[in-house]
Amino acid sequence: MFSWWDWIQTLRLQRPPRLEIKPDPTLLRLLRQLAENEQRSVEAVANDLLGEAVQMRLSAETPLQHWKNLSAREQQICALVCLNYTNSQIAARLSLSEETVKTHVRHVLIKFGLRGRANLRNALAGWDFAAWEDRGGHGGG
């Protein structure tokens, strides 16, 4: 688990930034309780929790950045892939050739750095693509 100093080293800073974090009383009480349960200092628990939260936020932003790098057509096809449409179903739905759909799917996978459709569906598992289906594949992101 990263401590603040590990984060600073990663950012190549000479000294830690001065942070003025004032948690609300309920949060502070819960943090103290957690530290006591784990027999650790409040600072150590807070550093670990903050580090985990930062990592989770960064990992959540990565798929969004990939999505923003897709063309409108790639987003459309990506959404339909995530809705479990086959290439032939996507092609029929969007009036494209299957070969064109395959090319778009390949480009989407490359832009996401993934190897297959299942990996893409897993990477975007928490996303709601219902609007793409409801509008015949023409929905917005």
N, C-alpha and C. Protein backbone atom coordinates (compact mmCIF):
# COMPACT_ATOMS: atom_id res chain seq x y z
N MET A 1 0.85 -1.18 0.00
CA MET A 1 0.00 0.00 0.00
C MET A 1 0.89 1.24 0.00
N PHE A 2 0.53 2.22 -0.78
CA PHE A 2 1.30 3.46 -0.87
C PHE A 2 1.06 4.34 0.35
N SER A 3 2.13 4.88 0.90
CA SER A 3 2.01 5.92 1.92
C SER A 3 2.10 7.25 1.21
N TRP A 4 1.91 8.33 1.94
CA TRP A 4 2.05 9.66 1.32
C TRP A 4 3.44 9.83 0.76
N TRP A 5 4.43 9.35 1.49
CA TRP A 5 5.80 9.53 1.02
C TRP A 5 6.03 8.78 -0.30
N ASP A 6 5.44 7.59 -0.43
CA ASP A 6 5.54 6.85 -1.69
C ASP A 6 4.94 7.66 -2.84
N TRP A 7 3.78 8.29 -2.58
CA TRP A 7 3.16 9.12 -3.61
C TRP A 7 4.08 10.28 -3.98
N ILE A 8 4.70 10.88 -2.97
CA ILE A 8 5.59 12.01 -3.22
C ILE A 8 6.78 11.55 -4.07
N GLN A 9 7.35 10.41 -3.71
CA GLN A 9 8.47 9.88 -4.47
C GLN A 9 8.05 9.62 -5.92
N THR A 10 6.85 9.08 -6.09
CA THR A 10 6.35 8.81 -7.43
C THR A 10 6.24 10.10 -8.23
N LEU A 11 5.83 11.16 -7.58
CA LEU A 11 5.69 12.45 -8.26
C LEU A 11 7.01 13.21 -8.34
N ARG A 12 8.07 12.64 -7.75
CA ARG A 12 9.41 13.21 -7.75
C ARG A 12 9.49 14.58 -7.06
N LEU A 13 8.72 14.72 -6.01
CA LEU A 13 8.78 15.94 -5.22
C LEU A 13 9.80 15.77 -4.10
N GLN A 14 10.38 16.85 -3.67
CA GLN A 14 11.40 16.80 -2.64
C GLN A 14 10.82 16.63 -1.24
N ARG A 15 9.68 17.24 -1.00
CA ARG A 15 9.07 17.13 0.32
C ARG A 15 7.56 17.01 0.17
N PRO A 16 6.92 16.42 1.16
CA PRO A 16 5.48 16.25 1.05
C PRO A 16 4.75 17.59 1.01
N PRO A 17 3.66 17.67 0.26
CA PRO A 17 2.88 18.91 0.27
C PRO A 17 2.17 19.06 1.60
N ARG A 18 1.92 20.26 1.98
CA ARG A 18 1.21 20.52 3.24
C ARG A 18 -0.29 20.39 2.97
N LEU A 19 -0.89 19.42 3.62
CA LEU A 19 -2.31 19.18 3.44
C LEU A 19 -3.05 19.56 4.70
N GLU A 20 -4.08 20.32 4.53
CA GLU A 20 -4.93 20.71 5.64
C GLU A 20 -6.26 19.99 5.47
N ILE A 21 -6.34 18.79 5.99
CA ILE A 21 -7.57 18.02 5.87
C ILE A 21 -8.26 18.02 7.22
N LYS A 22 -9.48 18.50 7.23
CA LYS A 22 -10.25 18.55 8.46
C LYS A 22 -11.52 17.71 8.27
N PRO A 23 -11.44 16.42 8.63
CA PRO A 23 -12.62 15.56 8.45
C PRO A 23 -13.74 15.97 9.39
N ASP A 24 -14.95 15.68 8.98
CA ASP A 24 -16.08 15.97 9.86
C ASP A 24 -16.00 15.05 11.07
N PRO A 25 -16.62 15.43 12.17
CA PRO A 25 -16.50 14.66 13.42
C PRO A 25 -16.91 13.19 13.29
N THR A 26 -17.94 12.92 12.51
CA THR A 26 -18.38 11.53 12.35
C THR A 26 -17.31 10.71 11.63
N LEU A 27 -16.74 11.28 10.58
CA LEU A 27 -15.68 10.59 9.85
C LEU A 27 -14.46 10.36 10.73
N LEU A 28 -14.11 11.36 11.51
CA LEU A 28 -12.95 11.22 12.41
C LEU A 28 -13.20 10.14 13.45
N ARG A 29 -14.42 10.09 13.99
CA ARG A 29 -14.76 9.05 14.98
C ARG A 29 -14.64 7.66 14.35
N LEU A 30 -15.14 7.51 13.12
CA LEU A 30 -15.06 6.23 12.43
C LEU A 30 -13.62 5.85 12.11
N LEU A 31 -12.84 6.83 11.74
CA LEU A 31 -11.43 6.60 11.45
C LEU A 31 -10.69 6.14 12.71
N ARG A 32 -10.96 6.78 13.83
CA ARG A 32 -10.34 6.37 15.10
C ARG A 32 -10.76 4.95 15.48
N GLN A 33 -12.04 4.64 15.28
CA GLN A 33 -12.54 3.30 15.59
C GLN A 33 -11.85 2.25 14.70
N LEU A 34 -11.72 2.55 13.43
CA LEU A 34 -11.06 1.63 12.52
C LEU A 34 -9.60 1.43 12.91
N ALA A 35 -8.92 2.52 13.24
CA ALA A 35 -7.52 2.43 13.66
C ALA A 35 -7.38 1.59 14.93
N GLU A 36 -8.30 1.78 15.85
CA GLU A 36 -8.26 1.00 17.08
C GLU A 36 -8.50 -0.49 16.79
N ASN A 37 -9.46 -0.78 15.93
CA ASN A 37 -9.75 -2.18 15.57
C ASN A 37 -8.55 -2.85 14.91
N GLU A 38 -7.81 -2.08 14.11
CA GLU A 38 -6.65 -2.63 13.40
C GLU A 38 -5.36 -2.49 14.19
N GLN A 39 -5.44 -1.86 15.37
CA GLN A 39 -4.29 -1.61 16.24
C GLN A 39 -3.18 -0.89 15.47
N ARG A 40 -3.59 0.18 14.79
CA ARG A 40 -2.67 1.01 14.01
C ARG A 40 -2.94 2.46 14.34
N SER A 41 -2.05 3.31 13.91
CA SER A 41 -2.26 4.74 14.14
C SER A 41 -3.33 5.27 13.20
N VAL A 42 -3.98 6.33 13.64
CA VAL A 42 -4.99 6.98 12.81
C VAL A 42 -4.35 7.45 11.51
N GLU A 43 -3.14 7.98 11.59
CA GLU A 43 -2.43 8.48 10.40
C GLU A 43 -2.17 7.37 9.39
N ALA A 44 -1.75 6.20 9.89
CA ALA A 44 -1.46 5.08 8.99
C ALA A 44 -2.73 4.61 8.28
N VAL A 45 -3.81 4.50 9.03
CA VAL A 45 -5.08 4.07 8.44
C VAL A 45 -5.56 5.12 7.44
N ALA A 46 -5.46 6.39 7.81
CA ALA A 46 -5.90 7.47 6.91
C ALA A 46 -5.07 7.48 5.63
N ASN A 47 -3.76 7.30 5.74
CA ASN A 47 -2.90 7.25 4.55
C ASN A 47 -3.30 6.10 3.63
N ASP A 48 -3.53 4.92 4.22
CA ASP A 48 -3.91 3.76 3.41
C ASP A 48 -5.26 3.99 2.72
N LEU A 49 -6.23 4.51 3.47
CA LEU A 49 -7.55 4.75 2.89
C LEU A 49 -7.49 5.80 1.78
N LEU A 50 -6.74 6.85 2.00
CA LEU A 50 -6.62 7.90 0.99
C LEU A 50 -5.89 7.37 -0.25
N GLY A 51 -4.84 6.58 -0.03
CA GLY A 51 -4.12 5.97 -1.14
C GLY A 51 -5.02 5.06 -1.97
N GLU A 52 -5.82 4.24 -1.29
CA GLU A 52 -6.74 3.36 -1.99
C GLU A 52 -7.78 4.16 -2.77
N ALA A 53 -8.29 5.23 -2.16
CA ALA A 53 -9.29 6.06 -2.84
C ALA A 53 -8.71 6.72 -4.08
N VAL A 54 -7.49 7.20 -3.99
CA VAL A 54 -6.85 7.84 -5.14
C VAL A 54 -6.65 6.81 -6.25
N GLN A 55 -6.18 5.63 -5.90
CA GLN A 55 -5.98 4.58 -6.90
C GLN A 55 -7.30 4.19 -7.56
N MET A 56 -8.36 4.08 -6.78
CA MET A 56 -9.67 3.72 -7.33
C MET A 56 -10.15 4.82 -8.27
N ARG A 57 -9.97 6.07 -7.88
CA ARG A 57 -10.41 7.19 -8.73
C ARG A 57 -9.65 7.20 -10.04
N LEU A 58 -8.33 7.00 -9.95
CA LEU A 58 -7.52 6.99 -11.17
C LEU A 58 -7.90 5.83 -12.09
N SER A 59 -8.15 4.67 -11.50
CA SER A 59 -8.51 3.52 -12.34
C SER A 59 -9.91 3.70 -12.93
N ALA A 60 -10.79 4.42 -12.26
CA ALA A 60 -12.12 4.68 -12.80
C ALA A 60 -12.06 5.68 -13.94
N GLU A 61 -11.11 6.59 -13.89
CA GLU A 61 -11.00 7.61 -14.93
C GLU A 61 -10.39 7.07 -16.21
N THR A 62 -9.60 6.01 -16.12
CA THR A 62 -8.93 5.47 -17.30
C THR A 62 -9.92 5.04 -18.38
N PRO A 63 -10.95 4.24 -18.08
CA PRO A 63 -11.90 3.87 -19.13
C PRO A 63 -12.60 5.10 -19.74
N LEU A 64 -12.89 6.09 -18.92
CA LEU A 64 -13.53 7.30 -19.43
C LEU A 64 -12.62 8.03 -20.42
N GLN A 65 -11.34 8.08 -20.12
CA GLN A 65 -10.39 8.71 -21.04
C GLN A 65 -10.33 7.94 -22.36
N HIS A 66 -10.33 6.61 -22.26
CA HIS A 66 -10.33 5.79 -23.49
C HIS A 66 -11.61 6.06 -24.29
N TRP A 67 -12.74 6.11 -23.58
CA TRP A 67 -14.02 6.36 -24.24
C TRP A 67 -13.99 7.69 -24.99
N LYS A 68 -13.44 8.71 -24.37
CA LYS A 68 -13.38 10.03 -25.00
C LYS A 68 -12.50 10.04 -26.25
N ASN A 69 -11.57 9.09 -26.33
CA ASN A 69 -10.69 9.00 -27.50
C ASN A 69 -11.33 8.24 -28.66
N LEU A 70 -12.51 7.67 -28.45
CA LEU A 70 -13.19 6.95 -29.51
C LEU A 70 -13.95 7.93 -30.41
N SER A 71 -14.05 7.59 -31.68
CA SER A 71 -14.90 8.37 -32.58
C SER A 71 -16.36 8.10 -32.20
N ALA A 72 -17.26 8.89 -32.73
CA ALA A 72 -18.68 8.70 -32.44
C ALA A 72 -19.14 7.29 -32.88
N ARG A 73 -18.68 6.85 -34.03
CA ARG A 73 -19.05 5.52 -34.53
C ARG A 73 -18.46 4.44 -33.64
N GLU A 74 -17.22 4.62 -33.20
CA GLU A 74 -16.59 3.64 -32.31
C GLU A 74 -17.34 3.57 -30.98
N GLN A 75 -17.79 4.71 -30.46
CA GLN A 75 -18.57 4.72 -29.22
C GLN A 75 -19.86 3.94 -29.42
N GLN A 76 -20.50 4.17 -30.55
CA GLN A 76 -21.74 3.49 -30.88
C GLN A 76 -21.54 1.98 -30.90
N ILE A 77 -20.50 1.55 -31.57
CA ILE A 77 -20.23 0.12 -31.69
C ILE A 77 -19.78 -0.45 -30.36
N CYS A 78 -18.97 0.29 -29.63
CA CYS A 78 -18.53 -0.14 -28.30
C CYS A 78 -19.75 -0.38 -27.39
N ALA A 79 -20.68 0.55 -27.41
CA ALA A 79 -21.89 0.41 -26.59
C ALA A 79 -22.66 -0.84 -26.96
N LEU A 80 -22.80 -1.09 -28.25
CA LEU A 80 -23.55 -2.28 -28.68
C LEU A 80 -22.80 -3.57 -28.35
N VAL A 81 -21.48 -3.54 -28.42
CA VAL A 81 -20.69 -4.71 -27.99
C VAL A 81 -20.96 -4.97 -26.51
N CYS A 82 -20.97 -3.89 -25.72
CA CYS A 82 -21.21 -4.04 -24.28
C CYS A 82 -22.63 -4.49 -23.97
N LEU A 83 -23.53 -4.29 -24.93
CA LEU A 83 -24.90 -4.79 -24.79
C LEU A 83 -25.04 -6.20 -25.35
N ASN A 84 -23.91 -6.83 -25.65
CA ASN A 84 -23.84 -8.23 -26.12
C ASN A 84 -24.35 -8.45 -27.54
N TYR A 85 -24.30 -7.42 -28.35
CA TYR A 85 -24.66 -7.61 -29.76
C TYR A 85 -23.48 -8.26 -30.48
N THR A 86 -23.79 -9.13 -31.43
CA THR A 86 -22.74 -9.73 -32.27
C THR A 86 -22.39 -8.75 -33.39
N ASN A 87 -21.29 -9.03 -34.06
CA ASN A 87 -20.90 -8.17 -35.19
C ASN A 87 -21.99 -8.12 -36.25
N SER A 88 -22.59 -9.25 -36.54
CA SER A 88 -23.63 -9.28 -37.58
C SER A 88 -24.87 -8.50 -37.13
N GLN A 89 -25.21 -8.58 -35.85
CA GLN A 89 -26.34 -7.81 -35.35
C GLN A 89 -26.06 -6.31 -35.39
N ILE A 90 -24.83 -5.94 -35.04
CA ILE A 90 -24.44 -4.53 -35.09
C ILE A 90 -24.47 -4.03 -36.53
N ALA A 91 -23.93 -4.83 -37.42
CA ALA A 91 -23.90 -4.46 -38.84
C ALA A 91 -25.31 -4.22 -39.36
N ALA A 92 -26.24 -5.12 -39.05
CA ALA A 92 -27.62 -4.97 -39.50
C ALA A 92 -28.27 -3.74 -38.88
N ARG A 93 -28.03 -3.54 -37.62
CA ARG A 93 -28.63 -2.42 -36.88
C ARG A 93 -28.16 -1.07 -37.40
N LEU A 94 -26.88 -0.98 -37.79
CA LEU A 94 -26.30 0.29 -38.20
C LEU A 94 -26.14 0.42 -39.72
N SER A 95 -26.63 -0.56 -40.44
CA SER A 95 -26.51 -0.58 -41.91
C SER A 95 -25.06 -0.47 -42.36
N LEU A 96 -24.23 -1.31 -41.77
CA LEU A 96 -22.80 -1.39 -42.10
C LEU A 96 -22.48 -2.80 -42.53
N SER A 97 -21.33 -2.97 -43.15
CA SER A 97 -20.88 -4.33 -43.45
C SER A 97 -20.30 -4.93 -42.18
N GLU A 98 -20.32 -6.24 -42.12
CA GLU A 98 -19.73 -6.92 -40.95
C GLU A 98 -18.24 -6.62 -40.86
N GLU A 99 -17.59 -6.51 -42.00
CA GLU A 99 -16.16 -6.22 -42.03
C GLU A 99 -15.87 -4.84 -41.42
N THR A 100 -16.72 -3.88 -41.71
CA THR A 100 -16.57 -2.53 -41.13
C THR A 100 -16.75 -2.58 -39.62
N VAL A 101 -17.72 -3.34 -39.16
CA VAL A 101 -17.94 -3.48 -37.72
C VAL A 101 -16.71 -4.12 -37.08
N LYS A 102 -16.18 -5.19 -37.69
CA LYS A 102 -14.98 -5.84 -37.15
C LYS A 102 -13.83 -4.86 -37.03
N THR A 103 -13.67 -4.01 -38.03
CA THR A 103 -12.59 -3.02 -38.01
C THR A 103 -12.80 -2.04 -36.86
N HIS A 104 -14.04 -1.56 -36.69
CA HIS A 104 -14.32 -0.63 -35.59
C HIS A 104 -14.09 -1.30 -34.23
N VAL A 105 -14.53 -2.53 -34.09
CA VAL A 105 -14.33 -3.27 -32.83
C VAL A 105 -12.83 -3.40 -32.55
N ARG A 106 -12.07 -3.74 -33.57
CA ARG A 106 -10.62 -3.87 -33.40
C ARG A 106 -10.01 -2.54 -32.95
N HIS A 107 -10.44 -1.44 -33.55
CA HIS A 107 -9.93 -0.11 -33.16
C HIS A 107 -10.29 0.23 -31.71
N VAL A 108 -11.52 -0.11 -31.32
CA VAL A 108 -11.96 0.13 -29.94
C VAL A 108 -11.07 -0.65 -28.98
N LEU A 109 -10.85 -1.92 -29.28
CA LEU A 109 -10.03 -2.76 -28.40
C LEU A 109 -8.61 -2.22 -28.30
N ILE A 110 -8.06 -1.77 -29.41
CA ILE A 110 -6.71 -1.20 -29.39
C ILE A 110 -6.68 0.06 -28.52
N LYS A 111 -7.67 0.93 -28.68
CA LYS A 111 -7.70 2.18 -27.92
C LYS A 111 -7.87 1.93 -26.42
N PHE A 112 -8.55 0.86 -26.07
CA PHE A 112 -8.71 0.50 -24.65
C PHE A 112 -7.56 -0.36 -24.15
N GLY A 113 -6.71 -0.83 -25.07
CA GLY A 113 -5.60 -1.69 -24.68
C GLY A 113 -6.07 -3.06 -24.23
N LEU A 114 -7.12 -3.56 -24.85
CA LEU A 114 -7.71 -4.85 -24.45
C LEU A 114 -7.60 -5.86 -25.58
N ARG A 115 -7.76 -7.15 -25.22
CA ARG A 115 -7.57 -8.23 -26.19
C ARG A 115 -8.88 -8.77 -26.75
N GLY A 116 -9.99 -8.56 -26.11
CA GLY A 116 -11.22 -9.16 -26.62
C GLY A 116 -12.46 -8.46 -26.13
N ARG A 117 -13.57 -8.83 -26.74
CA ARG A 117 -14.87 -8.23 -26.42
C ARG A 117 -15.24 -8.45 -24.95
N ALA A 118 -14.95 -9.63 -24.43
CA ALA A 118 -15.29 -9.92 -23.03
C ALA A 118 -14.52 -8.98 -22.10
N ASN A 119 -13.25 -8.72 -22.42
CA ASN A 119 -12.46 -7.79 -21.61
C ASN A 119 -13.05 -6.39 -21.67
N LEU A 120 -13.54 -5.99 -22.83
CA LEU A 120 -14.16 -4.68 -22.99
C LEU A 120 -15.42 -4.60 -22.14
N ARG A 121 -16.24 -5.64 -22.19
CA ARG A 121 -17.46 -5.66 -21.37
C ARG A 121 -17.11 -5.60 -19.89
N ASN A 122 -16.05 -6.30 -19.48
CA ASN A 122 -15.63 -6.26 -18.08
C ASN A 122 -15.14 -4.87 -17.68
N ALA A 123 -14.37 -4.24 -18.57
CA ALA A 123 -13.81 -2.91 -18.27
C ALA A 123 -14.92 -1.86 -18.11
N LEU A 124 -16.03 -2.05 -18.82
CA LEU A 124 -17.13 -1.08 -18.78
C LEU A 124 -18.37 -1.66 -18.11
N ALA A 125 -18.17 -2.65 -17.25
CA ALA A 125 -19.28 -3.39 -16.64
C ALA A 125 -20.24 -2.48 -15.87
N GLY A 126 -19.76 -1.44 -15.25
CA GLY A 126 -20.63 -0.57 -14.46
C GLY A 126 -21.32 0.52 -15.26
N TRP A 127 -21.07 0.56 -16.54
CA TRP A 127 -21.64 1.62 -17.38
C TRP A 127 -23.03 1.23 -17.87
N ASP A 128 -23.88 2.22 -18.03
CA ASP A 128 -25.24 2.00 -18.50
C ASP A 128 -25.35 2.39 -19.98
N PHE A 129 -25.50 1.40 -20.82
CA PHE A 129 -25.60 1.64 -22.26
C PHE A 129 -27.04 1.53 -22.77
N ALA A 130 -28.01 1.57 -21.87
CA ALA A 130 -29.41 1.39 -22.25
C ALA A 130 -29.86 2.41 -23.30
N ALA A 131 -29.38 3.63 -23.22
CA ALA A 131 -29.78 4.67 -24.18
C ALA A 131 -29.37 4.29 -25.59
N TRP A 132 -28.26 3.60 -25.73
CA TRP A 132 -27.80 3.20 -27.07
C TRP A 132 -28.74 2.17 -27.66
N GLU A 133 -29.26 1.29 -26.81
CA GLU A 133 -30.18 0.26 -27.28
C GLU A 133 -31.56 0.85 -27.56
N ASP A 134 -32.02 1.71 -26.66
CA ASP A 134 -33.34 2.31 -26.78
C ASP A 134 -33.48 3.16 -28.04
N ARG A 135 -32.38 3.74 -28.48
CA ARG A 135 -32.41 4.61 -29.66
C ARG A 135 -31.88 3.91 -30.91
N GLY A 136 -31.95 2.63 -30.91
CA GLY A 136 -31.55 1.88 -32.10
C GLY A 136 -30.06 1.98 -32.37
N GLY A 137 -29.25 2.13 -31.29
CA GLY A 137 -27.81 2.23 -31.47
C GLY A 137 -27.35 3.64 -31.74
N HIS A 138 -28.25 4.61 -31.71
CA HIS A 138 -27.87 5.99 -32.01
C HIS A 138 -27.85 6.86 -30.77
N GLY A 139 -27.83 6.26 -29.58
CA GLY A 139 -27.88 7.02 -28.33
C GLY A 139 -26.61 7.77 -28.05
N GLY A 140 -26.67 8.66 -27.10
CA GLY A 140 -25.51 9.44 -26.70
C GLY A 140 -24.78 8.80 -25.56
N GLY A 141 -23.52 9.18 -25.36
CA GLY A 141 -22.70 8.59 -24.32
C GLY A 141 -22.87 9.20 -23.06
